[in-house]
Protein backbone atom coordinates (compact mmCIF):
# COMPACT_ATOMS: atom_id res chain seq x y z
CA UNK A 1 -221.76 199.21 32.40
CA UNK A 2 -221.24 197.09 35.55
CA UNK A 3 -222.53 198.43 38.87
CA UNK A 4 -218.75 199.48 39.53
CA UNK A 5 -218.13 201.85 37.03
CA UNK A 6 -221.60 203.12 36.82
CA UNK A 7 -220.96 203.99 40.84
CA UNK A 8 -217.49 205.49 39.74
CA UNK A 9 -219.25 207.58 36.56
CA UNK A 10 -221.56 208.78 39.38
CA UNK A 11 -218.83 210.19 41.82
CA UNK A 12 -216.69 211.71 39.11
CA UNK A 13 -219.66 213.44 37.82
CA UNK A 14 -220.78 214.36 41.43
CA UNK A 15 -217.50 215.70 41.96
CA UNK A 16 -217.29 217.87 39.14
CA UNK A 17 -220.45 219.51 40.14
CA UNK A 18 -219.63 219.89 43.75
CA UNK A 19 -217.23 221.85 43.18
CA UNK A 20 -218.20 223.86 39.81
CA UNK A 21 -219.68 226.90 42.59
CA UNK A 22 -216.49 227.48 43.92
CA UNK A 23 -214.58 227.36 40.41
CA UNK A 24 -217.00 229.86 39.07
CA UNK A 25 -216.39 232.17 41.99
CA UNK A 26 -212.41 231.95 41.48
CA UNK A 27 -212.53 233.75 38.13
CA UNK A 28 -216.29 235.83 38.46
CA UNK A 29 -214.11 238.93 37.42
CA UNK A 30 -213.67 237.13 34.08
CA UNK A 31 -215.97 237.90 31.08
CA UNK A 32 -215.28 234.42 30.00
CA UNK A 33 -216.51 232.45 32.80
CA UNK A 34 -219.50 230.74 30.38
CA UNK A 35 -216.45 229.13 28.67
CA UNK A 36 -214.75 227.77 31.86
CA UNK A 37 -217.93 226.29 32.92
CA UNK A 38 -218.72 224.67 29.37
CA UNK A 39 -215.37 223.02 29.42
CA UNK A 40 -215.46 221.41 32.31
CA UNK A 41 -218.81 219.97 32.19
CA UNK A 42 -218.62 218.84 28.81
CA UNK A 43 -215.06 216.95 30.04
CA UNK A 44 -215.10 213.17 29.37
CA UNK A 45 -214.99 213.07 32.99
CA UNK A 46 -218.28 215.17 33.49
CA UNK A 47 -221.13 215.01 31.18
CA UNK A 48 -218.59 213.76 28.29
CA UNK A 49 -219.92 216.22 25.89
CA UNK A 50 -218.09 215.96 22.41
CA UNK A 51 -219.19 219.54 21.47
CA UNK A 52 -221.35 222.32 22.99
CA UNK A 53 -222.84 225.39 21.76
CA UNK A 54 -224.35 228.05 24.00
CA UNK A 55 -226.37 231.05 22.74
CA UNK A 56 -228.73 233.78 24.70
CA UNK A 57 -231.95 234.39 23.56
CA UNK A 58 -232.52 238.68 24.39
CA UNK A 59 -236.06 239.06 23.21
CA UNK A 60 -235.84 243.23 24.35
CA UNK A 61 -232.74 243.24 22.00
CA UNK A 62 -234.44 240.93 19.38
CA UNK A 63 -230.93 239.08 19.26
CA UNK A 64 -229.68 235.32 19.84
CA UNK A 65 -226.39 235.57 20.56
CA UNK A 66 -223.57 232.55 20.41
CA UNK A 67 -221.95 233.19 24.08
CA UNK A 68 -219.24 229.85 24.21
CA UNK A 69 -218.37 227.07 22.48
CA UNK A 70 -216.79 223.56 23.40
CA UNK A 71 -215.43 221.16 20.92
CA UNK A 72 -213.32 218.11 22.15
CA UNK A 73 -211.27 218.44 19.36
CA UNK A 74 -210.12 221.67 20.29
CA UNK A 75 -210.14 221.32 24.12
CA UNK A 76 -207.76 222.65 26.50
CA UNK A 77 -205.15 220.57 26.95
CA UNK A 78 -204.69 220.42 31.22
CA UNK A 79 -208.71 220.69 32.03
CA UNK A 80 -207.94 220.28 35.56
CA UNK A 81 -205.59 223.25 35.62
CA UNK A 82 -207.88 225.36 33.49
CA UNK A 83 -209.17 227.43 36.79
CA UNK A 84 -205.82 227.94 38.36
CA UNK A 85 -204.67 229.58 35.04
CA UNK A 86 -207.89 231.55 34.27
CA UNK A 87 -205.60 233.90 31.92
CA UNK A 88 -203.85 231.18 30.04
CA UNK A 89 -207.25 229.13 29.16
CA UNK A 90 -208.41 232.82 28.37
CA UNK A 91 -206.39 233.17 25.93
CA UNK A 92 -206.70 229.68 24.69
CA UNK A 93 -210.15 229.84 23.99
CA UNK A 94 -209.69 233.65 22.25
CA UNK A 95 -207.60 231.23 19.70
CA UNK A 96 -210.24 228.41 19.84
CA UNK A 97 -211.98 228.33 15.84
CA UNK A 98 -214.97 226.31 17.16
CA UNK A 99 -215.63 228.88 20.16
CA UNK A 100 -215.16 231.79 17.89
CA UNK A 101 -217.66 230.43 15.45
CA UNK A 102 -220.15 229.77 18.05
CA UNK A 103 -219.61 233.58 19.05
CA UNK A 104 -219.58 234.97 15.84
CA UNK A 105 -223.48 233.85 15.58
CA UNK A 106 -226.01 236.90 15.91
CA UNK A 107 -229.68 235.93 14.68
CA UNK A 108 -232.81 237.42 15.86
CA UNK A 109 -234.04 236.41 18.58
CA UNK A 110 -236.02 233.37 18.61
CA UNK A 111 -238.56 234.24 21.29
CA UNK A 112 -239.49 237.87 20.13
CA UNK A 113 -239.91 236.75 16.50
CA UNK A 114 -242.12 233.75 17.51
CA UNK A 115 -239.46 231.16 15.54
CA UNK A 116 -239.49 227.73 16.24
CA UNK A 117 -236.42 226.42 17.82
CA UNK A 118 -236.10 223.00 16.21
CA UNK A 119 -235.46 225.19 13.01
CA UNK A 120 -233.16 227.45 14.49
CA UNK A 121 -231.30 224.74 15.79
CA UNK A 122 -231.61 222.88 12.34
CA UNK A 123 -229.94 225.87 10.75
CA UNK A 124 -227.31 226.34 13.32
CA UNK A 125 -226.39 223.11 13.62
CA UNK A 126 -224.72 221.92 10.57
CA UNK A 127 -222.88 225.54 10.16
CA UNK A 128 -221.09 224.32 13.26
CA UNK A 129 -220.81 220.31 12.20
CA UNK A 130 -223.04 218.75 14.38
CA UNK A 131 -223.32 215.28 13.19
CA UNK A 132 -226.19 214.25 16.08
CA UNK A 133 -227.29 217.24 17.70
CA UNK A 134 -229.67 217.62 20.82
CA UNK A 135 -230.69 220.68 22.26
CA UNK A 136 -232.75 222.50 25.20
CA UNK A 137 -233.45 225.81 26.48
CA UNK A 138 -234.42 227.33 29.85
CA UNK A 139 -234.83 230.48 31.63
CA UNK A 140 -232.59 232.92 32.44
CA UNK A 141 -232.38 236.28 34.84
CA UNK A 142 -233.94 239.58 32.87
CA UNK A 143 -236.39 237.57 30.50
CA UNK A 144 -233.58 235.94 28.72
CA UNK A 145 -233.67 232.12 27.33
CA UNK A 146 -230.45 229.91 27.15
CA UNK A 147 -230.48 227.48 24.38
CA UNK A 148 -227.23 224.93 24.13
CA UNK A 149 -226.90 222.91 21.39
CA UNK A 150 -224.95 219.73 22.08
CA UNK A 151 -223.23 216.16 20.98
CA UNK A 152 -223.18 213.35 23.76
CA UNK A 153 -220.00 211.31 23.08
CA UNK A 154 -222.34 208.21 23.90
CA UNK A 155 -225.73 208.91 22.24
CA UNK A 156 -227.05 205.70 24.27
CA UNK A 157 -226.16 207.10 27.73
CA UNK A 158 -228.84 209.14 28.79
CA UNK A 159 -228.78 208.80 32.76
CA UNK A 160 -227.44 211.94 33.08
CA UNK A 161 -229.60 214.25 30.80
CA UNK A 162 -231.74 215.64 33.42
CA UNK A 163 -228.37 216.44 35.48
CA UNK A 164 -226.74 218.00 32.40
CA UNK A 165 -229.96 219.88 31.65
CA UNK A 166 -230.19 221.09 35.71
CA UNK A 167 -226.59 221.57 35.34
CA UNK A 168 -227.03 224.13 32.71
CA UNK A 169 -228.79 226.42 34.60
CA UNK A 170 -225.54 227.53 36.21
CA UNK A 171 -224.76 229.15 33.28
CA UNK A 172 -227.50 232.01 34.24
CA UNK A 173 -225.00 233.32 37.14
CA UNK A 174 -222.01 233.76 34.77
CA UNK A 175 -221.61 237.16 33.08
CA UNK A 176 -221.23 237.40 29.02
CA UNK A 177 -219.46 239.36 27.24
């Protein structure tokens, strides 16, 4: 990648991330804010993720629950306007096969049952048609834990991996339904 292209890519990612808190606040009363965040950060103009599944592991209730899913093949056609047309986007996501498949997953808690994350990811990823899944976990409020399984469009690109993982913490500020 040339220096100019590298700079432009960094600029696009920074632009996406710097606007995200304001966007989240614009729809904070909705129950599906994680779907908005996932759609935005996975966009090809941000982190360029082709598929992502977000889960919350709640050890107190012994449940790993699917919260939101993004699949590039089912992406919202006008991602630049989804925040302004929040109810249309929400209706769109209610019809998304991938999102619904992710949201239908409910398993025993990984942490409460001392399961290994790689085993659970290994079980879930093929069911969601991941070809080259990556995953990470992070702490959420109330002693819950986030888990995301994702697939990058460009597997060789790793310059933004740490920024992507840091950005996932924003999901912890979003209510889940």
